[in-house]
Amino acid sequence: MALTQEQELALDDLVRLAHQSGPAAEPAQPDWLQTWLGISRQEVRDTVLGLLDKKDALEGRLLDWVEANPLDASLEFLGVASWLFYQAEKDLNPKIHSYIDAFYYISTCASVGYADIFAVTQTGRVIAALVMIVGPAMATRSLDRPNTSHSQKEK
């Protein structure tokens, strides 16, 4: 695959910066994201800021749903986390042979925190850590009766 002239200039700039000593100077090509990926820094910034603007509303909706459906939320959270953990570990972790192995490990992360399985990948460790942070709170609430005021709003 041949590089475009713009990509070659950006690569030359990168090599020049790598050989400079001291603080890196601003490259001649102002936007490497645009050059290499076809999306500008401004577009990335605008997208991230747009998502952050929606964060509070999405978080509120998620928490309302979890409060109205605690058992469903817990099972779905554990199911998705288990699938992600399985995908991260399946070919690298000698103790992960099936989705059930991953589910066993993730469910213990959400409750007692003990298993004879351990994450071996960085991705697996991040997933396990998130489950260890959120899981106990969800497990505590999972057998509570749903909040009827939220359930009636959804109907």
N, C-alpha and C. Protein backbone atom coordinates (compact mmCIF):
# COMPACT_ATOMS: atom_id res chain seq x y z
N MET A 1 0.84 -1.17 0.00
CA MET A 1 0.00 0.00 0.00
C MET A 1 0.90 1.24 0.00
N ALA A 2 0.70 2.10 -0.94
CA ALA A 2 1.51 3.31 -1.06
C ALA A 2 0.93 4.42 -0.19
N LEU A 3 1.82 5.23 0.36
CA LEU A 3 1.40 6.37 1.17
C LEU A 3 1.11 7.56 0.26
N THR A 4 0.18 8.38 0.70
CA THR A 4 -0.07 9.62 -0.03
C THR A 4 1.07 10.59 0.29
N GLN A 5 1.18 11.62 -0.51
CA GLN A 5 2.22 12.62 -0.27
C GLN A 5 2.04 13.26 1.11
N GLU A 6 0.81 13.52 1.48
CA GLU A 6 0.51 14.12 2.78
C GLU A 6 0.94 13.18 3.91
N GLN A 7 0.70 11.87 3.75
CA GLN A 7 1.09 10.89 4.76
C GLN A 7 2.62 10.78 4.84
N GLU A 8 3.29 10.84 3.69
CA GLU A 8 4.75 10.80 3.69
C GLU A 8 5.33 11.99 4.43
N LEU A 9 4.77 13.18 4.21
CA LEU A 9 5.22 14.38 4.92
C LEU A 9 5.00 14.25 6.42
N ALA A 10 3.85 13.70 6.80
CA ALA A 10 3.55 13.50 8.22
C ALA A 10 4.52 12.50 8.83
N LEU A 11 4.84 11.44 8.10
CA LEU A 11 5.79 10.45 8.59
C LEU A 11 7.19 11.06 8.72
N ASP A 12 7.60 11.84 7.74
CA ASP A 12 8.89 12.54 7.81
C ASP A 12 8.94 13.45 9.03
N ASP A 13 7.84 14.14 9.28
CA ASP A 13 7.73 15.01 10.46
C ASP A 13 7.91 14.22 11.74
N LEU A 14 7.26 13.07 11.80
CA LEU A 14 7.34 12.23 12.99
C LEU A 14 8.76 11.74 13.22
N VAL A 15 9.43 11.33 12.17
CA VAL A 15 10.82 10.88 12.28
C VAL A 15 11.71 12.03 12.72
N ARG A 16 11.49 13.22 12.16
CA ARG A 16 12.28 14.39 12.54
C ARG A 16 12.09 14.69 14.02
N LEU A 17 10.85 14.65 14.50
CA LEU A 17 10.58 14.92 15.91
C LEU A 17 11.22 13.88 16.82
N ALA A 18 11.24 12.63 16.37
CA ALA A 18 11.82 11.56 17.18
C ALA A 18 13.33 11.75 17.35
N HIS A 19 13.98 12.37 16.38
CA HIS A 19 15.42 12.58 16.45
C HIS A 19 15.81 13.87 17.13
N GLN A 20 14.85 14.75 17.39
CA GLN A 20 15.16 16.02 18.06
C GLN A 20 15.41 15.76 19.54
N SER A 21 16.31 16.53 20.11
CA SER A 21 16.50 16.45 21.56
C SER A 21 15.76 17.61 22.18
N GLY A 22 15.35 17.45 23.42
CA GLY A 22 14.61 18.50 24.09
C GLY A 22 13.14 18.40 23.80
N PRO A 23 12.36 19.40 24.20
CA PRO A 23 10.91 19.33 23.99
C PRO A 23 10.57 19.29 22.51
N ALA A 24 9.57 18.50 22.20
CA ALA A 24 9.16 18.34 20.79
C ALA A 24 8.50 19.62 20.29
N ALA A 25 8.89 19.98 19.10
CA ALA A 25 8.29 21.17 18.46
C ALA A 25 6.98 20.77 17.80
N GLU A 26 6.15 21.74 17.52
CA GLU A 26 4.89 21.49 16.82
C GLU A 26 5.21 21.01 15.40
N PRO A 27 4.63 19.90 14.96
CA PRO A 27 4.94 19.39 13.62
C PRO A 27 4.43 20.32 12.53
N ALA A 28 5.08 20.20 11.36
CA ALA A 28 4.68 21.04 10.23
C ALA A 28 3.25 20.71 9.80
N GLN A 29 2.89 19.43 9.86
CA GLN A 29 1.52 19.04 9.53
C GLN A 29 0.67 19.25 10.78
N PRO A 30 -0.31 20.13 10.74
CA PRO A 30 -1.03 20.50 11.95
C PRO A 30 -1.98 19.44 12.50
N ASP A 31 -2.44 18.50 11.68
CA ASP A 31 -3.44 17.57 12.17
C ASP A 31 -3.17 16.16 11.67
N TRP A 32 -2.44 15.38 12.46
CA TRP A 32 -2.09 14.01 12.07
C TRP A 32 -3.30 13.10 12.02
N LEU A 33 -4.27 13.34 12.90
CA LEU A 33 -5.48 12.52 12.85
C LEU A 33 -6.17 12.65 11.50
N GLN A 34 -6.23 13.87 10.99
CA GLN A 34 -6.85 14.10 9.69
C GLN A 34 -6.04 13.41 8.61
N THR A 35 -4.73 13.51 8.70
CA THR A 35 -3.86 12.91 7.68
C THR A 35 -3.99 11.40 7.64
N TRP A 36 -3.98 10.77 8.79
CA TRP A 36 -3.93 9.31 8.84
C TRP A 36 -5.30 8.65 8.93
N LEU A 37 -6.23 9.28 9.63
CA LEU A 37 -7.52 8.62 9.86
C LEU A 37 -8.69 9.30 9.16
N GLY A 38 -8.47 10.48 8.63
CA GLY A 38 -9.53 11.17 7.93
C GLY A 38 -10.52 11.87 8.85
N ILE A 39 -10.13 12.03 10.11
CA ILE A 39 -10.99 12.73 11.07
C ILE A 39 -10.11 13.75 11.79
N SER A 40 -10.59 14.96 11.91
CA SER A 40 -9.76 16.01 12.48
C SER A 40 -9.79 16.00 14.00
N ARG A 41 -8.80 16.65 14.60
CA ARG A 41 -8.78 16.80 16.06
C ARG A 41 -10.05 17.51 16.53
N GLN A 42 -10.48 18.50 15.78
CA GLN A 42 -11.68 19.25 16.15
C GLN A 42 -12.91 18.35 16.14
N GLU A 43 -13.01 17.47 15.14
CA GLU A 43 -14.14 16.54 15.09
C GLU A 43 -14.13 15.59 16.28
N VAL A 44 -12.95 15.09 16.64
CA VAL A 44 -12.83 14.21 17.81
C VAL A 44 -13.23 14.98 19.06
N ARG A 45 -12.71 16.19 19.20
CA ARG A 45 -13.03 17.02 20.37
C ARG A 45 -14.53 17.28 20.47
N ASP A 46 -15.14 17.66 19.34
CA ASP A 46 -16.57 17.95 19.32
C ASP A 46 -17.40 16.71 19.69
N THR A 47 -16.99 15.54 19.19
CA THR A 47 -17.69 14.30 19.50
C THR A 47 -17.60 13.97 20.98
N VAL A 48 -16.40 14.07 21.54
CA VAL A 48 -16.20 13.77 22.97
C VAL A 48 -17.00 14.74 23.82
N LEU A 49 -16.95 16.02 23.50
CA LEU A 49 -17.71 17.02 24.26
C LEU A 49 -19.22 16.78 24.14
N GLY A 50 -19.67 16.38 22.96
CA GLY A 50 -21.08 16.06 22.77
C GLY A 50 -21.51 14.88 23.63
N LEU A 51 -20.67 13.86 23.70
CA LEU A 51 -20.98 12.71 24.56
C LEU A 51 -20.98 13.10 26.03
N LEU A 52 -20.04 13.94 26.42
CA LEU A 52 -20.00 14.39 27.81
C LEU A 52 -21.24 15.21 28.17
N ASP A 53 -21.74 15.99 27.21
CA ASP A 53 -22.96 16.76 27.44
C ASP A 53 -24.16 15.83 27.69
N LYS A 54 -24.16 14.67 27.05
CA LYS A 54 -25.26 13.72 27.19
C LYS A 54 -25.08 12.78 28.37
N LYS A 55 -23.90 12.80 28.98
CA LYS A 55 -23.55 11.85 30.04
C LYS A 55 -24.55 11.86 31.19
N ASP A 56 -24.88 13.03 31.70
CA ASP A 56 -25.78 13.10 32.86
C ASP A 56 -27.16 12.51 32.55
N ALA A 57 -27.68 12.82 31.39
CA ALA A 57 -28.99 12.30 31.02
C ALA A 57 -28.95 10.78 30.86
N LEU A 58 -27.91 10.27 30.19
CA LEU A 58 -27.78 8.82 30.01
C LEU A 58 -27.57 8.12 31.35
N GLU A 59 -26.74 8.71 32.20
CA GLU A 59 -26.50 8.13 33.52
C GLU A 59 -27.79 8.08 34.33
N GLY A 60 -28.56 9.14 34.28
CA GLY A 60 -29.84 9.18 35.00
C GLY A 60 -30.80 8.11 34.51
N ARG A 61 -30.89 7.95 33.20
CA ARG A 61 -31.77 6.91 32.63
C ARG A 61 -31.31 5.52 33.03
N LEU A 62 -29.99 5.30 33.00
CA LEU A 62 -29.44 4.00 33.39
C LEU A 62 -29.74 3.70 34.86
N LEU A 63 -29.52 4.67 35.74
CA LEU A 63 -29.76 4.45 37.16
C LEU A 63 -31.25 4.24 37.44
N ASP A 64 -32.13 4.96 36.73
CA ASP A 64 -33.57 4.74 36.88
C ASP A 64 -33.94 3.32 36.47
N TRP A 65 -33.36 2.83 35.36
CA TRP A 65 -33.65 1.48 34.90
C TRP A 65 -33.14 0.45 35.90
N VAL A 66 -31.93 0.64 36.43
CA VAL A 66 -31.37 -0.29 37.41
C VAL A 66 -32.24 -0.31 38.67
N GLU A 67 -32.68 0.84 39.11
CA GLU A 67 -33.53 0.92 40.30
C GLU A 67 -34.87 0.23 40.07
N ALA A 68 -35.41 0.36 38.88
CA ALA A 68 -36.70 -0.25 38.56
C ALA A 68 -36.59 -1.75 38.28
N ASN A 69 -35.41 -2.22 37.90
CA ASN A 69 -35.22 -3.62 37.50
C ASN A 69 -33.92 -4.18 38.09
N PRO A 70 -33.79 -4.28 39.40
CA PRO A 70 -32.49 -4.64 39.99
C PRO A 70 -31.99 -6.03 39.60
N LEU A 71 -32.85 -7.03 39.57
CA LEU A 71 -32.40 -8.38 39.23
C LEU A 71 -32.01 -8.46 37.76
N ASP A 72 -32.85 -7.90 36.88
CA ASP A 72 -32.52 -7.88 35.45
C ASP A 72 -31.19 -7.17 35.20
N ALA A 73 -31.01 -6.03 35.84
CA ALA A 73 -29.79 -5.24 35.65
C ALA A 73 -28.57 -6.03 36.10
N SER A 74 -28.67 -6.71 37.23
CA SER A 74 -27.54 -7.49 37.74
C SER A 74 -27.18 -8.63 36.80
N LEU A 75 -28.21 -9.36 36.36
CA LEU A 75 -27.94 -10.49 35.46
C LEU A 75 -27.38 -10.03 34.12
N GLU A 76 -27.92 -8.95 33.60
CA GLU A 76 -27.41 -8.45 32.32
C GLU A 76 -25.99 -7.91 32.47
N PHE A 77 -25.72 -7.22 33.56
CA PHE A 77 -24.37 -6.71 33.82
C PHE A 77 -23.38 -7.86 33.91
N LEU A 78 -23.72 -8.89 34.70
CA LEU A 78 -22.84 -10.05 34.83
C LEU A 78 -22.69 -10.80 33.51
N GLY A 79 -23.78 -10.90 32.76
CA GLY A 79 -23.72 -11.60 31.47
C GLY A 79 -22.82 -10.90 30.47
N VAL A 80 -22.96 -9.59 30.36
CA VAL A 80 -22.12 -8.82 29.43
C VAL A 80 -20.66 -8.83 29.89
N ALA A 81 -20.44 -8.61 31.18
CA ALA A 81 -19.07 -8.60 31.71
C ALA A 81 -18.42 -9.97 31.50
N SER A 82 -19.18 -11.03 31.68
CA SER A 82 -18.65 -12.39 31.48
C SER A 82 -18.27 -12.62 30.02
N TRP A 83 -19.14 -12.15 29.11
CA TRP A 83 -18.84 -12.32 27.69
C TRP A 83 -17.58 -11.54 27.32
N LEU A 84 -17.47 -10.30 27.80
CA LEU A 84 -16.28 -9.49 27.52
C LEU A 84 -15.03 -10.15 28.10
N PHE A 85 -15.14 -10.66 29.33
CA PHE A 85 -14.01 -11.33 29.97
C PHE A 85 -13.63 -12.59 29.18
N TYR A 86 -14.63 -13.35 28.75
CA TYR A 86 -14.36 -14.54 27.95
C TYR A 86 -13.62 -14.19 26.66
N GLN A 87 -14.09 -13.14 25.98
CA GLN A 87 -13.43 -12.71 24.74
C GLN A 87 -11.99 -12.29 24.99
N ALA A 88 -11.73 -11.65 26.11
CA ALA A 88 -10.38 -11.17 26.42
C ALA A 88 -9.44 -12.30 26.82
N GLU A 89 -9.96 -13.34 27.45
CA GLU A 89 -9.11 -14.35 28.07
C GLU A 89 -9.11 -15.72 27.38
N LYS A 90 -10.06 -16.00 26.51
CA LYS A 90 -10.32 -17.37 26.05
C LYS A 90 -9.12 -18.10 25.44
N ASP A 91 -8.28 -17.44 24.71
CA ASP A 91 -7.15 -18.13 24.09
C ASP A 91 -5.85 -17.96 24.86
N LEU A 92 -5.91 -17.19 25.94
CA LEU A 92 -4.69 -16.87 26.68
C LEU A 92 -4.68 -17.39 28.11
N ASN A 93 -5.85 -17.59 28.67
CA ASN A 93 -5.96 -18.02 30.07
C ASN A 93 -6.23 -19.52 30.10
N PRO A 94 -5.32 -20.30 30.68
CA PRO A 94 -5.51 -21.76 30.68
C PRO A 94 -6.72 -22.24 31.48
N LYS A 95 -7.30 -21.38 32.30
CA LYS A 95 -8.46 -21.78 33.10
C LYS A 95 -9.78 -21.34 32.47
N ILE A 96 -9.75 -20.62 31.37
CA ILE A 96 -10.97 -20.17 30.70
C ILE A 96 -11.17 -21.03 29.45
N HIS A 97 -12.06 -22.02 29.57
CA HIS A 97 -12.35 -22.93 28.46
C HIS A 97 -13.72 -22.65 27.85
N SER A 98 -14.59 -21.97 28.62
CA SER A 98 -15.95 -21.74 28.14
C SER A 98 -16.48 -20.44 28.73
N TYR A 99 -17.63 -20.04 28.20
CA TYR A 99 -18.31 -18.86 28.74
C TYR A 99 -18.66 -19.07 30.21
N ILE A 100 -19.01 -20.30 30.56
CA ILE A 100 -19.38 -20.61 31.95
C ILE A 100 -18.19 -20.38 32.88
N ASP A 101 -16.98 -20.71 32.45
CA ASP A 101 -15.79 -20.42 33.26
C ASP A 101 -15.66 -18.92 33.51
N ALA A 102 -15.89 -18.14 32.45
CA ALA A 102 -15.82 -16.68 32.59
C ALA A 102 -16.93 -16.18 33.50
N PHE A 103 -18.14 -16.72 33.34
CA PHE A 103 -19.26 -16.30 34.18
C PHE A 103 -18.98 -16.63 35.65
N TYR A 104 -18.41 -17.79 35.90
CA TYR A 104 -18.05 -18.19 37.27
C TYR A 104 -17.09 -17.17 37.88
N TYR A 105 -16.06 -16.81 37.14
CA TYR A 105 -15.07 -15.85 37.66
C TYR A 105 -15.71 -14.47 37.90
N ILE A 106 -16.44 -13.98 36.91
CA ILE A 106 -17.04 -12.64 37.01
C ILE A 106 -18.07 -12.59 38.13
N SER A 107 -18.86 -13.64 38.29
CA SER A 107 -19.86 -13.62 39.37
C SER A 107 -19.19 -13.62 40.74
N THR A 108 -18.04 -14.26 40.86
CA THR A 108 -17.33 -14.19 42.14
C THR A 108 -16.73 -12.81 42.37
N CYS A 109 -16.34 -12.14 41.29
CA CYS A 109 -15.83 -10.76 41.41
C CYS A 109 -16.92 -9.83 41.94
N ALA A 110 -18.16 -10.12 41.59
CA ALA A 110 -19.28 -9.27 42.00
C ALA A 110 -19.76 -9.59 43.41
N SER A 111 -19.28 -10.68 43.98
CA SER A 111 -19.78 -11.05 45.30
C SER A 111 -18.64 -11.27 46.28
N VAL A 112 -18.20 -12.50 46.46
CA VAL A 112 -17.21 -12.81 47.49
C VAL A 112 -15.79 -12.45 47.10
N GLY A 113 -15.52 -12.33 45.82
CA GLY A 113 -14.19 -11.95 45.37
C GLY A 113 -13.17 -13.06 45.39
N TYR A 114 -13.62 -14.30 45.48
CA TYR A 114 -12.68 -15.42 45.50
C TYR A 114 -13.02 -16.38 44.37
N ALA A 115 -12.02 -16.83 43.67
CA ALA A 115 -12.18 -17.87 42.66
C ALA A 115 -10.82 -18.52 42.44
N ASP A 116 -10.83 -19.66 41.83
CA ASP A 116 -9.56 -20.31 41.49
C ASP A 116 -9.11 -19.92 40.08
N ILE A 117 -9.74 -18.89 39.52
CA ILE A 117 -9.42 -18.35 38.20
C ILE A 117 -8.95 -16.92 38.41
N PHE A 118 -7.97 -16.50 37.65
CA PHE A 118 -7.46 -15.13 37.72
C PHE A 118 -7.30 -14.59 36.30
N ALA A 119 -7.48 -13.30 36.15
CA ALA A 119 -7.29 -12.66 34.85
C ALA A 119 -5.81 -12.67 34.50
N VAL A 120 -5.49 -12.95 33.23
CA VAL A 120 -4.09 -12.93 32.80
C VAL A 120 -3.82 -11.81 31.80
N THR A 121 -4.86 -11.20 31.24
CA THR A 121 -4.67 -10.11 30.29
C THR A 121 -4.99 -8.78 30.96
N GLN A 122 -4.46 -7.71 30.41
CA GLN A 122 -4.77 -6.38 30.94
C GLN A 122 -6.26 -6.08 30.77
N THR A 123 -6.82 -6.45 29.63
CA THR A 123 -8.25 -6.23 29.40
C THR A 123 -9.08 -7.00 30.41
N GLY A 124 -8.72 -8.25 30.66
CA GLY A 124 -9.42 -9.06 31.65
C GLY A 124 -9.35 -8.45 33.03
N ARG A 125 -8.19 -7.90 33.38
CA ARG A 125 -8.03 -7.26 34.69
C ARG A 125 -8.90 -6.02 34.82
N VAL A 126 -8.99 -5.24 33.74
CA VAL A 126 -9.84 -4.03 33.77
C VAL A 126 -11.30 -4.43 33.94
N ILE A 127 -11.75 -5.42 33.19
CA ILE A 127 -13.13 -5.88 33.30
C ILE A 127 -13.41 -6.37 34.72
N ALA A 128 -12.50 -7.19 35.26
CA ALA A 128 -12.67 -7.70 36.62
C ALA A 128 -12.71 -6.56 37.64
N ALA A 129 -11.84 -5.58 37.47
CA ALA A 129 -11.82 -4.45 38.40
C ALA A 129 -13.13 -3.68 38.36
N LEU A 130 -13.67 -3.45 37.18
CA LEU A 130 -14.96 -2.75 37.07
C LEU A 130 -16.08 -3.55 37.73
N VAL A 131 -16.05 -4.86 37.54
CA VAL A 131 -17.07 -5.70 38.17
C VAL A 131 -16.90 -5.66 39.69
N MET A 132 -15.66 -5.64 40.17
CA MET A 132 -15.42 -5.57 41.61
C MET A 132 -15.89 -4.24 42.21
N ILE A 133 -15.89 -3.19 41.40
CA ILE A 133 -16.35 -1.88 41.87
C ILE A 133 -17.88 -1.80 41.87
N VAL A 134 -18.50 -2.20 40.78
CA VAL A 134 -19.95 -2.04 40.60
C VAL A 134 -20.72 -3.26 41.09
N GLY A 135 -20.16 -4.43 40.92
CA GLY A 135 -20.86 -5.68 41.19
C GLY A 135 -21.43 -5.83 42.59
N PRO A 136 -20.66 -5.58 43.65
CA PRO A 136 -21.24 -5.77 44.99
C PRO A 136 -22.47 -4.91 45.26
N ALA A 137 -22.48 -3.69 44.78
CA ALA A 137 -23.66 -2.83 44.96
C ALA A 137 -24.85 -3.40 44.21
N MET A 138 -24.62 -3.89 43.01
CA MET A 138 -25.71 -4.47 42.23
C MET A 138 -26.19 -5.77 42.87
N ALA A 139 -25.25 -6.59 43.35
CA ALA A 139 -25.62 -7.85 43.98
C ALA A 139 -26.45 -7.60 45.24
N THR A 140 -26.10 -6.57 45.99
CA THR A 140 -26.84 -6.23 47.20
C THR A 140 -28.29 -5.90 46.89
N ARG A 141 -28.52 -5.20 45.78
CA ARG A 141 -29.86 -4.74 45.41
C ARG A 141 -30.63 -5.74 44.54
N SER A 142 -29.95 -6.77 44.04
CA SER A 142 -30.58 -7.61 43.02
C SER A 142 -31.86 -8.30 43.48
N LEU A 143 -32.01 -8.58 44.76
CA LEU A 143 -33.22 -9.25 45.23
C LEU A 143 -34.23 -8.30 45.84
N ASP A 144 -33.95 -6.99 45.79
CA ASP A 144 -34.93 -6.01 46.24
C ASP A 144 -36.10 -6.00 45.27
N ARG A 145 -37.24 -5.64 45.78
CA ARG A 145 -38.40 -5.47 44.90
C ARG A 145 -38.15 -4.26 44.01
N PRO A 146 -38.58 -4.33 42.76
CA PRO A 146 -38.40 -3.17 41.88
C PRO A 146 -39.13 -1.95 42.45
N ASN A 147 -38.57 -0.80 42.17
CA ASN A 147 -39.20 0.46 42.58
C ASN A 147 -40.43 0.66 41.72
N THR A 148 -41.61 0.57 42.33
CA THR A 148 -42.85 0.61 41.54
C THR A 148 -43.12 1.96 40.92
N SER A 149 -42.62 3.04 41.52
CA SER A 149 -42.86 4.36 40.91
C SER A 149 -42.17 4.47 39.56
N HIS A 150 -40.98 3.87 39.43
CA HIS A 150 -40.29 3.88 38.14
C HIS A 150 -40.94 2.90 37.16
N SER A 151 -41.37 1.74 37.69
CA SER A 151 -42.00 0.74 36.81
C SER A 151 -43.27 1.27 36.20
N GLN A 152 -44.05 2.04 36.99
CA GLN A 152 -45.30 2.58 36.47
C GLN A 152 -45.03 3.67 35.43
N LYS A 153 -43.93 4.42 35.57
CA LYS A 153 -43.59 5.46 34.57
C LYS A 153 -43.29 4.84 33.22
N GLU A 154 -42.64 3.65 33.24
CA GLU A 154 -42.26 3.01 31.98
C GLU A 154 -43.46 2.49 31.21
N LYS A 155 -44.54 2.18 31.93
CA LYS A 155 -45.75 1.64 31.26
C LYS A 155 -46.51 2.74 30.67
